[in-house]
Every structure is written in C-alpha cells, then in structure tokens.
Amino acid sequence: MPGNFIRALAEDQDHNMWIGTYGSGLLMYDPLKQRTTGYDKAKNKLPSNYILAIHTDKKGNLWVGTNGNGVGLLRKGKSVFETLSEKDGLANGAIQSIIEDDRGRIWFSTNKGLSCYSPAQNKFKNYSNAVGLQEGAFMLGASLKMDDGEIYFGGQKGFNHFYPAHLKTNSNPAKVALTDLKIDNVVIQPSEKGPIQQSLLTADRINLKYKQNFSISFAALNLTVPEDNQYEYRLVGFDKNWIRNGKENSAYYTNLDPGDYVFEVRASNNDGVWNKEIKSIAIHVAPPFGVQFMPIYFMYWPSSQCCCPSGTVVFKN
C-alpha cells in the first residue's frame, strides 16, 4: 500500500474492497485475484488524494468524498473520475459521509450542511441550519440509513434525522424586483432630470452619461429560506450569454460604449425552481459631450453607375 493512513472503507457489488487513504489516493483490492489497483489525482483525475468517505451505489458507481476538493464519481467500468464541486452546486468541498436514499439520490454531509444530488437531473439541493439542521460541521463517518428509509447524520451538536421522501419542494417560482441603482458607487434616487425619473421598482429606463460605471441590485420575492435564492442576468447588447450569479444579487458594468442596452435578470427560489418571467429595464448610454452621430445613406444611380457611401458621420462641436 502506498499509504497507511486509512480514512474510509467500502465494498462494491463485486466484493472488491475500496480503501481511501489520506494523502495517497484510492486503492481497490480484489480478494479473488489478490490484486491491488491504485487510483490517484494525477493518473485518474481523482479530485484529491485526501479521501474522507466512500460509497458504492445501486448501479455500481463509486462516490469518493475528499477533504476540500468535492466528490469524485467513478462510473462502473471506467477508470477516470468525474468531479462534482462547489461550482456544480455542492454545499462544501469537505465530505464527511455519503448515503444513498431509496430513490437513488446521493446525500453528502459536509462542513457546511447537507447536499442532496440527483444523478437523474444532475442537480444539487442543499440544506443548512435555515431549515432546521444543526450549525457547524458534520462529523466524519457519522451517517446511517435505516431499513424504513430514514437517514441520520451526526455532527458537533448532536444529530439530525429525517425521511427524504417527506421533504417538500417549494414549487412557487420567485419573481424578481430591481431594488437599487448605483452610479460611480453612489446610490441614485429618482429625480426629474436624473438617470431615473421614478423608483427603480417601476422604472422602465435608465439614462447614463458617457463612461459612467453602474451597478443594479435585485431581489427575488421568495421568503422561504430566501438566502438560498439564486440569480442570473445579462445585458443584451453586451453579454453574449446569461451570467450565473449564484446568491449574489448585484450586477456591475463599466465603460460601456454609447448606445442602447436592455438589462435582464431572473431568479430561482430556495429549491432551485427558476421563474421563466424575466425582469428587464432599458439602459441608454449617451455619447461623449459635444459629439453627435449623424447617419448618411447610399445614393445609387444605375445610368451613371455611380454611388455615394452610407454610414455614420461624427461631428464634434
């Protein structure tokens, strides 16, 4: 064995023994052939060689929890791991234990709550103390699934237990409201000749001067665990794709070219249900002071085979 510090053990459907070391990766021991195979970060794309938890699911896939780098998924018959991390929605990268529920969903206890992963949907749902979990980190290996489907997780302040099938999903999509506008880090109030003439809640247009930096804040109107609301936004005319903003509820833009744009934002509620309704507001950026843009057009006379160019002429005062 490359390392003697063992943190996790598991047996798969073929009676192979999987051994998780702390610093030397993963080992598979085949008792029939009496052969050991090693898996590590460099050769097999294991997220980390520091392993805390191992679970083999009903389909023969292997789930490996690491100390800070998320989860490694080794599908049956494969030799290279896939990684699930906080970027994919995992609550925290330090995995203390792994449990599979009766529906085939994989539960991870972490240093910051629980994560439930649905392989069918490729989607995480996270649970924190906001829904009744204890505060602080869960403890290494402290998990159990009962025959009736109830799951237990132990932590620094006792244990939590529940039936996954009884957990309800909030199916109400969250509408979005625009709450604050800042220009050059100054909060803007409505005024007759200002960037907005009425409250941002009801305004349909923002007027900006040339090269003004600005930010827009927004909020999802969902009061069920509101800290789990998520956002994405884009500035039509500038952003090519939607920008996933996570739980951050502000967007920032600098040095936009003169022209017309549309800011759009949408949100999901605490259970990841996205609202198809988009909140939007038009944004106009004025050209530099003293510069005017005047269009000219093609003039074409077939008989003389002569044409005059079209485009935009810029006049400076």
C-alpha atoms as a PDB file:
ATOM      1  CA  MET A   1       0.000   0.000   0.000  1.00  0.00           C
ATOM      2  CA  PRO A   2       1.271   3.491  -0.867  1.00  0.00           C
ATOM      3  CA  GLY A   3      -0.087   4.932   2.393  1.00  0.00           C
ATOM      4  CA  ASN A   4      -1.114   3.573   5.786  1.00  0.00           C
ATOM      5  CA  PHE A   5      -3.376   6.424   6.908  1.00  0.00           C
ATOM      6  CA  ILE A   6      -6.841   4.998   6.119  1.00  0.00           C
ATOM      7  CA  ARG A   7      -9.946   7.192   6.436  1.00  0.00           C
ATOM      8  CA  ALA A   8     -12.618   5.214   4.550  1.00  0.00           C
ATOM      9  CA  LEU A   9     -13.530   1.647   3.505  1.00  0.00           C
ATOM     10  CA  ALA A  10     -16.293   0.267   1.268  1.00  0.00           C
ATOM     11  CA  GLU A  11     -17.220  -2.963  -0.530  1.00  0.00           C
ATOM     12  CA  ASP A  12     -18.725  -2.927  -4.027  1.00  0.00           C
ATOM     13  CA  GLN A  13     -21.158  -5.314  -5.730  1.00  0.00           C
ATOM     14  CA  ASP A  14     -18.284  -7.487  -6.992  1.00  0.00           C
ATOM     15  CA  HIS A  15     -16.895  -7.835  -3.458  1.00  0.00           C
ATOM     16  CA  ASN A  16     -13.917  -5.611  -4.213  1.00  0.00           C
ATOM     17  CA  MET A  17     -12.626  -3.624  -1.252  1.00  0.00           C
ATOM     18  CA  TRP A  18     -12.129   0.116  -1.786  1.00  0.00           C
ATOM     19  CA  ILE A  19      -9.658   1.796   0.539  1.00  0.00           C
ATOM     20  CA  GLY A  20      -9.456   5.575   0.915  1.00  0.00           C
ATOM     21  CA  THR A  21      -6.150   6.914   2.151  1.00  0.00           C
ATOM     22  CA  TYR A  22      -5.352  10.346   3.483  1.00  0.00           C
ATOM     23  CA  GLY A  23      -2.738  11.594   1.065  1.00  0.00           C
ATOM     24  CA  SER A  24      -2.095   8.617  -1.210  1.00  0.00           C
ATOM     25  CA  GLY A  25      -5.350   8.366  -3.139  1.00  0.00           C
ATOM     26  CA  LEU A  26      -7.617   5.343  -3.519  1.00  0.00           C
ATOM     27  CA  LEU A  27      -6.930   1.614  -3.630  1.00  0.00           C
ATOM     28  CA  MET A  28      -9.104  -1.237  -4.896  1.00  0.00           C
ATOM     29  CA  TYR A  29      -8.308  -4.700  -3.538  1.00  0.00           C
ATOM     30  CA  ASP A  30      -9.638  -7.720  -5.478  1.00  0.00           C
ATOM     31  CA  PRO A  31      -9.752 -10.601  -2.945  1.00  0.00           C
ATOM     32  CA  LEU A  32     -10.252 -13.259  -5.638  1.00  0.00           C
ATOM     33  CA  LYS A  33      -7.224 -12.251  -7.655  1.00  0.00           C
ATOM     34  CA  GLN A  34      -5.435 -10.880  -4.596  1.00  0.00           C
ATOM     35  CA  ARG A  35      -4.503  -7.846  -6.632  1.00  0.00           C
ATOM     36  CA  THR A  36      -4.431  -4.174  -5.683  1.00  0.00           C
ATOM     37  CA  THR A  37      -5.093  -1.294  -8.115  1.00  0.00           C
ATOM     38  CA  GLY A  38      -4.306   2.306  -7.277  1.00  0.00           C
ATOM     39  CA  TYR A  39      -6.219   5.443  -8.288  1.00  0.00           C
ATOM     40  CA  ASP A  40      -4.925   8.959  -7.741  1.00  0.00           C
ATOM     41  CA  LYS A  41      -5.276  12.577  -8.811  1.00  0.00           C
ATOM     42  CA  ALA A  42      -2.565  12.561 -11.473  1.00  0.00           C
ATOM     43  CA  LYS A  43      -3.436   9.318 -13.231  1.00  0.00           C
ATOM     44  CA  ASN A  44      -7.206   9.002 -12.762  1.00  0.00           C
ATOM     45  CA  LYS A  45      -8.336  12.618 -12.164  1.00  0.00           C
ATOM     46  CA  LEU A  46      -9.356  11.912  -8.579  1.00  0.00           C
ATOM     47  CA  PRO A  47     -10.297  15.364  -7.166  1.00  0.00           C
ATOM     48  CA  SER A  48      -7.829  14.923  -4.326  1.00  0.00           C
ATOM     49  CA  ASN A  49      -5.622  12.219  -2.829  1.00  0.00           C
ATOM     50  CA  TYR A  50      -7.000  13.092   0.607  1.00  0.00           C
ATOM     51  CA  ILE A  51     -10.091  10.898   0.975  1.00  0.00           C
ATOM     52  CA  LEU A  52     -12.668  11.023   3.782  1.00  0.00           C
ATOM     53  CA  ALA A  53     -15.658   8.983   2.539  1.00  0.00           C
ATOM     54  CA  ILE A  54     -16.525   6.239   0.014  1.00  0.00           C
ATOM     55  CA  HIS A  55     -19.882   4.905  -1.175  1.00  0.00           C
ATOM     56  CA  THR A  56     -20.846   2.404  -3.904  1.00  0.00           C
ATOM     57  CA  ASP A  57     -24.367   2.945  -5.238  1.00  0.00           C
ATOM     58  CA  LYS A  58     -27.021   0.546  -6.528  1.00  0.00           C
ATOM     59  CA  LYS A  59     -25.744   0.885 -10.100  1.00  0.00           C
ATOM     60  CA  GLY A  60     -22.177   0.006  -9.178  1.00  0.00           C
ATOM     61  CA  ASN A  61     -20.841   3.567  -9.388  1.00  0.00           C
ATOM     62  CA  LEU A  62     -18.281   4.717  -6.830  1.00  0.00           C
ATOM     63  CA  TRP A  63     -18.584   8.022  -4.969  1.00  0.00           C
ATOM     64  CA  VAL A  64     -15.482   9.363  -3.217  1.00  0.00           C
ATOM     65  CA  GLY A  65     -15.587  12.302  -0.812  1.00  0.00           C
ATOM     66  CA  THR A  66     -12.427  14.337  -0.373  1.00  0.00           C
ATOM     67  CA  ASN A  67     -11.144  16.784   2.213  1.00  0.00           C
ATOM     68  CA  GLY A  68     -11.903  20.063   0.459  1.00  0.00           C
ATOM     69  CA  ASN A  69     -11.995  19.219  -3.258  1.00  0.00           C
ATOM     70  CA  GLY A  70     -15.523  17.861  -3.519  1.00  0.00           C
ATOM     71  CA  VAL A  71     -16.665  14.492  -4.810  1.00  0.00           C
ATOM     72  CA  GLY A  72     -15.123  12.094  -7.295  1.00  0.00           C
ATOM     73  CA  LEU A  73     -17.535   9.918  -9.290  1.00  0.00           C
ATOM     74  CA  LEU A  74     -16.150   6.764 -10.878  1.00  0.00           C
ATOM     75  CA  ARG A  75     -18.778   5.211 -13.106  1.00  0.00           C
ATOM     76  CA  LYS A  76     -18.878   1.438 -13.270  1.00  0.00           C
ATOM     77  CA  GLY A  77     -16.375   0.120 -15.809  1.00  0.00           C
ATOM     78  CA  LYS A  78     -14.479   3.429 -16.060  1.00  0.00           C
ATOM     79  CA  SER A  79     -11.019   4.343 -14.821  1.00  0.00           C
ATOM     80  CA  VAL A  80     -11.231   8.151 -14.854  1.00  0.00           C
ATOM     81  CA  PHE A  81     -13.154  10.146 -12.260  1.00  0.00           C
ATOM     82  CA  GLU A  82     -15.674  12.923 -12.818  1.00  0.00           C
ATOM     83  CA  THR A  83     -15.629  15.766 -10.287  1.00  0.00           C
ATOM     84  CA  LEU A  84     -18.563  17.391  -8.517  1.00  0.00           C
ATOM     85  CA  SER A  85     -17.559  20.531  -6.641  1.00  0.00           C
ATOM     86  CA  GLU A  86     -18.953  23.714  -5.168  1.00  0.00           C
ATOM     87  CA  LYS A  87     -19.014  25.149  -8.697  1.00  0.00           C
ATOM     88  CA  ASP A  88     -21.582  22.466  -9.558  1.00  0.00           C
ATOM     89  CA  GLY A  89     -23.739  23.320  -6.540  1.00  0.00           C
ATOM     90  CA  LEU A  90     -22.177  21.223  -3.765  1.00  0.00           C
ATOM     91  CA  ALA A  91     -22.623  22.929  -0.384  1.00  0.00           C
ATOM     92  CA  ASN A  92     -18.998  22.447   0.654  1.00  0.00           C
ATOM     93  CA  GLY A  93     -15.928  20.569  -0.613  1.00  0.00           C
ATOM     94  CA  ALA A  94     -15.142  18.706   2.627  1.00  0.00           C
ATOM     95  CA  ILE A  95     -17.220  15.500   2.515  1.00  0.00           C
ATOM     96  CA  GLN A  96     -17.675  13.756   5.876  1.00  0.00           C
ATOM     97  CA  SER A  97     -20.021  10.933   4.828  1.00  0.00           C
ATOM     98  CA  ILE A  98     -22.072   9.667   1.866  1.00  0.00           C
ATOM     99  CA  ILE A  99     -25.503   7.980   1.940  1.00  0.00           C
ATOM    100  CA  GLU A 100     -27.840   6.823  -0.870  1.00  0.00           C
ATOM    101  CA  ASP A 101     -31.575   7.130  -0.280  1.00  0.00           C
ATOM    102  CA  ASP A 102     -34.346   4.871  -1.545  1.00  0.00           C
ATOM    103  CA  ARG A 103     -34.815   6.988  -4.685  1.00  0.00           C
ATOM    104  CA  GLY A 104     -31.170   6.708  -5.714  1.00  0.00           C
ATOM    105  CA  ARG A 105     -30.255  10.241  -4.669  1.00  0.00           C
ATOM    106  CA  ILE A 106     -26.853  10.685  -3.053  1.00  0.00           C
ATOM    107  CA  TRP A 107     -26.563  12.617   0.221  1.00  0.00           C
ATOM    108  CA  PHE A 108     -23.315  14.236   1.355  1.00  0.00           C
ATOM    109  CA  SER A 109     -22.683  15.573   4.849  1.00  0.00           C
ATOM    110  CA  THR A 110     -20.161  18.411   4.736  1.00  0.00           C
ATOM    111  CA  ASN A 111     -18.608  21.095   6.879  1.00  0.00           C
ATOM    112  CA  LYS A 112     -21.448  23.422   5.828  1.00  0.00           C
ATOM    113  CA  GLY A 113     -24.661  21.436   5.832  1.00  0.00           C
ATOM    114  CA  LEU A 114     -26.070  18.659   3.660  1.00  0.00           C
ATOM    115  CA  SER A 115     -26.110  18.282  -0.114  1.00  0.00           C
ATOM    116  CA  CYS A 116     -28.540  16.007  -1.951  1.00  0.00           C
ATOM    117  CA  TYR A 117     -27.504  15.127  -5.501  1.00  0.00           C
ATOM    118  CA  SER A 118     -29.908  13.736  -8.092  1.00  0.00           C
ATOM    119  CA  PRO A 119     -27.946  11.768 -10.720  1.00  0.00           C
ATOM    120  CA  ALA A 120     -31.000  11.725 -12.993  1.00  0.00           C
ATOM    121  CA  GLN A 121     -31.258  15.528 -13.008  1.00  0.00           C
ATOM    122  CA  ASN A 122     -27.541  16.259 -12.468  1.00  0.00           C
ATOM    123  CA  LYS A 123     -28.624  18.707  -9.801  1.00  0.00           C
ATOM    124  CA  PHE A 124     -27.845  19.555  -6.168  1.00  0.00           C
ATOM    125  CA  LYS A 125     -30.243  20.628  -3.433  1.00  0.00           C
ATOM    126  CA  ASN A 126     -28.581  21.966  -0.296  1.00  0.00           C
ATOM    127  CA  TYR A 127     -29.844  22.129   3.291  1.00  0.00           C
ATOM    128  CA  SER A 128     -28.486  24.351   6.070  1.00  0.00           C
ATOM    129  CA  ASN A 129     -29.397  25.415   9.585  1.00  0.00           C
ATOM    130  CA  ALA A 130     -32.025  27.688   7.994  1.00  0.00           C
ATOM    131  CA  VAL A 131     -34.245  24.600   7.577  1.00  0.00           C
ATOM    132  CA  GLY A 132     -33.503  23.100  10.981  1.00  0.00           C
ATOM    133  CA  LEU A 133     -30.105  21.439  10.615  1.00  0.00           C
ATOM    134  CA  GLN A 134     -27.602  21.854  13.414  1.00  0.00           C
ATOM    135  CA  GLU A 135     -24.940  24.508  12.988  1.00  0.00           C
ATOM    136  CA  GLY A 136     -21.313  23.645  12.388  1.00  0.00           C
ATOM    137  CA  ALA A 137     -19.653  20.765  10.601  1.00  0.00           C
ATOM    138  CA  PHE A 138     -20.901  17.218  10.451  1.00  0.00           C
ATOM    139  CA  MET A 139     -18.575  14.509  11.725  1.00  0.00           C
ATOM    140  CA  LEU A 140     -16.510  12.022   9.758  1.00  0.00           C
ATOM    141  CA  GLY A 141     -18.383   8.793   9.022  1.00  0.00           C
ATOM    142  CA  ALA A 142     -21.391   9.701  11.191  1.00  0.00           C
ATOM    143  CA  SER A 143     -24.272   8.664   8.924  1.00  0.00           C
ATOM    144  CA  LEU A 144     -26.824   5.859   8.782  1.00  0.00           C
ATOM    145  CA  LYS A 145     -29.806   4.822   6.665  1.00  0.00           C
ATOM    146  CA  MET A 146     -32.463   2.724   8.384  1.00  0.00           C
ATOM    147  CA  ASP A 147     -34.422  -0.077   6.705  1.00  0.00           C
ATOM    148  CA  ASP A 148     -37.512   2.155   6.504  1.00  0.00           C
ATOM    149  CA  GLY A 149     -35.565   4.857   4.614  1.00  0.00           C
ATOM    150  CA  GLU A 150     -34.919   7.253   7.486  1.00  0.00           C
ATOM    151  CA  ILE A 151     -31.476   8.875   7.373  1.00  0.00           C
ATOM    152  CA  TYR A 152     -29.311  10.026  10.296  1.00  0.00           C
ATOM    153  CA  PHE A 153     -26.357  12.419  10.205  1.00  0.00           C
ATOM    154  CA  GLY A 154     -24.213  13.166  13.251  1.00  0.00           C
ATOM    155  CA  GLY A 155     -22.416  16.428  13.898  1.00  0.00           C
ATOM    156  CA  GLN A 156     -20.791  18.595  16.508  1.00  0.00           C
ATOM    157  CA  LYS A 157     -24.121  19.419  18.138  1.00  0.00           C
ATOM    158  CA  GLY A 158     -25.957  16.086  18.118  1.00  0.00           C
ATOM    159  CA  PHE A 159     -27.623  14.512  15.105  1.00  0.00           C
ATOM    160  CA  ASN A 160     -30.321  15.207  12.545  1.00  0.00           C
ATOM    161  CA  HIS A 161     -32.703  12.614  11.154  1.00  0.00           C
ATOM    162  CA  PHE A 162     -35.422  12.693   8.500  1.00  0.00           C
ATOM    163  CA  TYR A 163     -37.224  10.761   5.789  1.00  0.00           C
ATOM    164  CA  PRO A 164     -36.077  12.089   2.385  1.00  0.00           C
ATOM    165  CA  ALA A 165     -39.429  11.168   0.821  1.00  0.00           C
ATOM    166  CA  HIS A 166     -41.189  13.515   3.265  1.00  0.00           C
ATOM    167  CA  LEU A 167     -39.172  16.599   2.342  1.00  0.00           C
ATOM    168  CA  LYS A 168     -41.323  19.031   0.383  1.00  0.00           C
ATOM    169  CA  THR A 169     -40.230  21.100  -2.604  1.00  0.00           C
ATOM    170  CA  ASN A 170     -41.177  24.745  -2.988  1.00  0.00           C
ATOM    171  CA  SER A 171     -42.716  24.821  -6.463  1.00  0.00           C
ATOM    172  CA  ASN A 172     -43.598  28.531  -6.429  1.00  0.00           C
ATOM    173  CA  PRO A 173     -41.289  30.440  -8.802  1.00  0.00           C
ATOM    174  CA  ALA A 174     -39.772  33.637  -7.442  1.00  0.00           C
ATOM    175  CA  LYS A 175     -40.457  36.927  -9.181  1.00  0.00           C
ATOM    176  CA  VAL A 176     -37.663  39.498  -9.278  1.00  0.00           C
ATOM    177  CA  ALA A 177     -37.695  43.189  -8.385  1.00  0.00           C
ATOM    178  CA  LEU A 178     -34.975  45.737  -9.162  1.00  0.00           C
ATOM    179  CA  THR A 179     -34.083  47.408  -5.866  1.00  0.00           C
ATOM    180  CA  ASP A 180     -31.105  49.775  -6.182  1.00  0.00           C
ATOM    181  CA  LEU A 181     -29.140  51.637  -8.801  1.00  0.00           C
ATOM    182  CA  LYS A 182     -25.634  52.928  -8.100  1.00  0.00           C
ATOM    183  CA  ILE A 183     -23.640  55.128 -10.466  1.00  0.00           C
ATOM    184  CA  ASP A 184     -19.967  55.535  -9.640  1.00  0.00           C
ATOM    185  CA  ASN A 185     -20.750  53.899  -6.245  1.00  0.00           C
ATOM    186  CA  VAL A 186     -23.408  56.490  -5.375  1.00  0.00           C
ATOM    187  CA  VAL A 187     -26.994  55.371  -4.719  1.00  0.00           C
ATOM    188  CA  ILE A 188     -29.319  57.088  -7.199  1.00  0.00           C
ATOM    189  CA  GLN A 189     -32.688  58.476  -6.170  1.00  0.00           C
ATOM    190  CA  PRO A 190     -35.417  59.357  -8.696  1.00  0.00           C
ATOM    191  CA  SER A 191     -35.338  62.942  -9.999  1.00  0.00           C
ATOM    192  CA  GLU A 192     -36.813  64.824 -12.924  1.00  0.00           C
ATOM    193  CA  LYS A 193     -33.524  65.174 -14.812  1.00  0.00           C
ATOM    194  CA  GLY A 194     -31.661  62.254 -13.237  1.00  0.00           C
ATOM    195  CA  PRO A 195     -30.817  58.803 -14.605  1.00  0.00           C
ATOM    196  CA  ILE A 196     -34.230  57.549 -13.396  1.00  0.00           C
ATOM    197  CA  GLN A 197     -37.395  59.620 -13.084  1.00  0.00           C
ATOM    198  CA  GLN A 198     -39.229  57.179 -10.805  1.00  0.00           C
ATOM    199  CA  SER A 199     -38.447  54.393  -8.370  1.00  0.00           C
ATOM    200  CA  LEU A 200     -36.359  51.586  -9.840  1.00  0.00           C
ATOM    201  CA  LEU A 201     -39.185  49.232  -8.853  1.00  0.00           C
ATOM    202  CA  THR A 202     -41.381  50.734 -11.574  1.00  0.00           C
ATOM    203  CA  ALA A 203     -38.888  52.500 -13.882  1.00  0.00           C
ATOM    204  CA  ASP A 204     -38.559  51.260 -17.456  1.00  0.00           C
ATOM    205  CA  ARG A 205     -35.416  53.153 -18.480  1.00  0.00           C
ATOM    206  CA  ILE A 206     -32.044  54.269 -17.119  1.00  0.00           C
ATOM    207  CA  ASN A 207     -30.154  57.137 -18.745  1.00  0.00           C
ATOM    208  CA  LEU A 208     -26.382  57.150 -18.296  1.00  0.00           C
ATOM    209  CA  LYS A 209     -23.700  59.599 -19.286  1.00  0.00           C
ATOM    210  CA  TYR A 210     -20.688  58.508 -21.307  1.00  0.00           C
ATOM    211  CA  LYS A 211     -18.350  56.103 -19.410  1.00  0.00           C
ATOM    212  CA  GLN A 212     -20.382  56.114 -16.201  1.00  0.00           C
ATOM    213  CA  ASN A 213     -19.895  52.931 -14.153  1.00  0.00           C
ATOM    214  CA  PHE A 214     -23.027  51.478 -12.598  1.00  0.00           C
ATOM    215  CA  SER A 215     -24.476  48.566 -10.658  1.00  0.00           C
ATOM    216  CA  ILE A 216     -28.006  47.237 -10.334  1.00  0.00           C
ATOM    217  CA  SER A 217     -29.232  45.303  -7.306  1.00  0.00           C
ATOM    218  CA  PHE A 218     -32.211  42.962  -7.364  1.00  0.00           C
ATOM    219  CA  ALA A 219     -34.150  40.648  -5.078  1.00  0.00           C
ATOM    220  CA  ALA A 220     -36.254  37.517  -5.515  1.00  0.00           C
ATOM    221  CA  LEU A 221     -39.668  37.824  -3.894  1.00  0.00           C
ATOM    222  CA  ASN A 222     -39.426  34.463  -2.130  1.00  0.00           C
ATOM    223  CA  LEU A 223     -39.424  34.439   1.678  1.00  0.00           C
ATOM    224  CA  THR A 224     -38.991  30.679   2.098  1.00  0.00           C
ATOM    225  CA  VAL A 225     -35.304  30.312   3.007  1.00  0.00           C
ATOM    226  CA  PRO A 226     -34.524  33.472   0.984  1.00  0.00           C
ATOM    227  CA  GLU A 227     -30.771  33.047   1.490  1.00  0.00           C
ATOM    228  CA  ASP A 228     -30.930  30.140  -0.971  1.00  0.00           C
ATOM    229  CA  ASN A 229     -32.414  32.203  -3.817  1.00  0.00           C
ATOM    230  CA  GLN A 230     -30.204  32.226  -6.928  1.00  0.00           C
ATOM    231  CA  TYR A 231     -29.863  34.695  -9.788  1.00  0.00           C
ATOM    232  CA  GLU A 232     -28.681  35.025 -13.347  1.00  0.00           C
ATOM    233  CA  TYR A 233     -28.571  38.128 -15.528  1.00  0.00           C
ATOM    234  CA  ARG A 234     -27.356  39.559 -18.820  1.00  0.00           C
ATOM    235  CA  LEU A 235     -27.033  42.909 -20.548  1.00  0.00           C
ATOM    236  CA  VAL A 236     -28.487  42.497 -24.026  1.00  0.00           C
ATOM    237  CA  GLY A 237     -26.182  44.255 -26.443  1.00  0.00           C
ATOM    238  CA  PHE A 238     -23.115  43.485 -24.331  1.00  0.00           C
ATOM    239  CA  ASP A 239     -23.269  39.988 -22.750  1.00  0.00           C
ATOM    240  CA  LYS A 240     -23.457  37.047 -25.135  1.00  0.00           C
ATOM    241  CA  ASN A 241     -24.815  34.622 -22.532  1.00  0.00           C
ATOM    242  CA  TRP A 242     -26.630  34.591 -19.213  1.00  0.00           C
ATOM    243  CA  ILE A 243     -24.289  35.098 -16.264  1.00  0.00           C
ATOM    244  CA  ARG A 244     -24.891  32.764 -13.318  1.00  0.00           C
ATOM    245  CA  ASN A 245     -24.551  34.942 -10.220  1.00  0.00           C
ATOM    246  CA  GLY A 246     -25.353  32.404  -7.506  1.00  0.00           C
ATOM    247  CA  LYS A 247     -26.685  34.077  -4.379  1.00  0.00           C
ATOM    248  CA  GLU A 248     -25.077  37.426  -5.254  1.00  0.00           C
ATOM    249  CA  ASN A 249     -27.845  39.947  -6.017  1.00  0.00           C
ATOM    250  CA  SER A 250     -25.973  42.708  -7.836  1.00  0.00           C
ATOM    251  CA  ALA A 251     -24.563  43.179 -11.339  1.00  0.00           C
ATOM    252  CA  TYR A 252     -21.723  45.575 -12.218  1.00  0.00           C
ATOM    253  CA  TYR A 253     -20.803  47.207 -15.545  1.00  0.00           C
ATOM    254  CA  THR A 254     -18.053  49.640 -16.522  1.00  0.00           C
ATOM    255  CA  ASN A 255     -17.008  51.574 -19.634  1.00  0.00           C
ATOM    256  CA  LEU A 256     -19.946  50.681 -21.864  1.00  0.00           C
ATOM    257  CA  ASP A 257     -19.915  52.118 -25.368  1.00  0.00           C
ATOM    258  CA  PRO A 258     -22.599  54.678 -26.224  1.00  0.00           C
ATOM    259  CA  GLY A 259     -25.840  53.040 -27.314  1.00  0.00           C
ATOM    260  CA  ASP A 260     -28.935  51.243 -26.124  1.00  0.00           C
ATOM    261  CA  TYR A 261     -28.995  48.102 -23.988  1.00  0.00           C
ATOM    262  CA  VAL A 262     -31.510  46.013 -22.046  1.00  0.00           C
ATOM    263  CA  PHE A 263     -30.690  44.614 -18.616  1.00  0.00           C
ATOM    264  CA  GLU A 264     -32.444  41.311 -17.836  1.00  0.00           C
ATOM    265  CA  VAL A 265     -32.491  39.257 -14.633  1.00  0.00           C
ATOM    266  CA  ARG A 266     -34.309  36.155 -13.427  1.00  0.00           C
ATOM    267  CA  ALA A 267     -34.258  34.099 -10.221  1.00  0.00           C
ATOM    268  CA  SER A 268     -34.814  30.694  -8.710  1.00  0.00           C
ATOM    269  CA  ASN A 269     -36.369  30.028  -5.329  1.00  0.00           C
ATOM    270  CA  ASN A 270     -34.765  28.112  -2.456  1.00  0.00           C
ATOM    271  CA  ASP A 271     -35.469  24.773  -4.161  1.00  0.00           C
ATOM    272  CA  GLY A 272     -33.928  25.727  -7.481  1.00  0.00           C
ATOM    273  CA  VAL A 273     -37.219  26.366  -9.331  1.00  0.00           C
ATOM    274  CA  TRP A 274     -36.459  29.061 -11.933  1.00  0.00           C
ATOM    275  CA  ASN A 275     -39.024  31.651 -12.910  1.00  0.00           C
ATOM    276  CA  LYS A 276     -39.494  31.882 -16.678  1.00  0.00           C
ATOM    277  CA  GLU A 277     -40.607  35.500 -16.259  1.00  0.00           C
ATOM    278  CA  ILE A 278     -37.750  37.944 -16.847  1.00  0.00           C
ATOM    279  CA  LYS A 279     -37.457  41.357 -15.224  1.00  0.00           C
ATOM    280  CA  SER A 280     -35.938  43.895 -17.613  1.00  0.00           C
ATOM    281  CA  ILE A 281     -35.115  47.593 -17.941  1.00  0.00           C
ATOM    282  CA  ALA A 282     -33.779  49.616 -20.876  1.00  0.00           C
ATOM    283  CA  ILE A 283     -30.439  51.407 -20.489  1.00  0.00           C
ATOM    284  CA  HIS A 284     -29.240  54.276 -22.682  1.00  0.00           C
ATOM    285  CA  VAL A 285     -25.595  55.363 -22.644  1.00  0.00           C
ATOM    286  CA  ALA A 286     -25.103  58.833 -24.120  1.00  0.00           C
ATOM    287  CA  PRO A 287     -22.166  59.678 -26.416  1.00  0.00           C
ATOM    288  CA  PRO A 288     -19.347  61.945 -25.176  1.00  0.00           C
ATOM    289  CA  PHE A 289     -20.275  65.577 -24.647  1.00  0.00           C
ATOM    290  CA  GLY A 290     -20.104  67.570 -27.871  1.00  0.00           C
ATOM    291  CA  VAL A 291     -20.208  64.509 -30.147  1.00  0.00           C
ATOM    292  CA  GLN A 292     -23.181  63.814 -32.397  1.00  0.00           C
ATOM    293  CA  PHE A 293     -23.775  60.775 -34.570  1.00  0.00           C
ATOM    294  CA  MET A 294     -25.500  61.566 -37.888  1.00  0.00           C
ATOM    295  CA  PRO A 295     -26.320  58.857 -40.446  1.00  0.00           C
ATOM    296  CA  ILE A 296     -25.789  59.208 -44.190  1.00  0.00           C
ATOM    297  CA  TYR A 297     -27.127  56.847 -46.834  1.00  0.00           C
ATOM    298  CA  PHE A 298     -26.169  55.255 -50.182  1.00  0.00           C
ATOM    299  CA  MET A 299     -27.400  57.101 -53.224  1.00  0.00           C
ATOM    300  CA  TYR A 300     -27.221  54.929 -56.358  1.00  0.00           C
ATOM    301  CA  TRP A 301     -27.890  55.946 -59.986  1.00  0.00           C
ATOM    302  CA  PRO A 302     -27.840  52.901 -62.360  1.00  0.00           C
ATOM    303  CA  SER A 303     -27.464  55.004 -65.519  1.00  0.00           C
ATOM    304  CA  SER A 304     -24.274  56.644 -64.346  1.00  0.00           C
ATOM    305  CA  GLN A 305     -23.059  53.623 -62.343  1.00  0.00           C
ATOM    306  CA  CYS A 306     -22.209  55.994 -59.544  1.00  0.00           C
ATOM    307  CA  CYS A 307     -22.859  55.634 -55.850  1.00  0.00           C
ATOM    308  CA  CYS A 308     -22.250  57.611 -52.696  1.00  0.00           C
ATOM    309  CA  PRO A 309     -21.332  55.815 -49.479  1.00  0.00           C
ATOM    310  CA  SER A 310     -23.519  55.495 -46.392  1.00  0.00           C
ATOM    311  CA  GLY A 311     -22.645  55.076 -42.732  1.00  0.00           C
ATOM    312  CA  THR A 312     -22.239  57.418 -39.763  1.00  0.00           C
ATOM    313  CA  VAL A 313     -20.515  60.745 -39.671  1.00  0.00           C
ATOM    314  CA  VAL A 314     -19.289  62.031 -36.325  1.00  0.00           C
ATOM    315  CA  PHE A 315     -19.393  65.778 -35.821  1.00  0.00           C
ATOM    316  CA  LYS A 316     -17.589  67.459 -32.934  1.00  0.00           C
ATOM    317  CA  ASN A 317     -18.562  70.874 -31.749  1.00  0.00           C
END
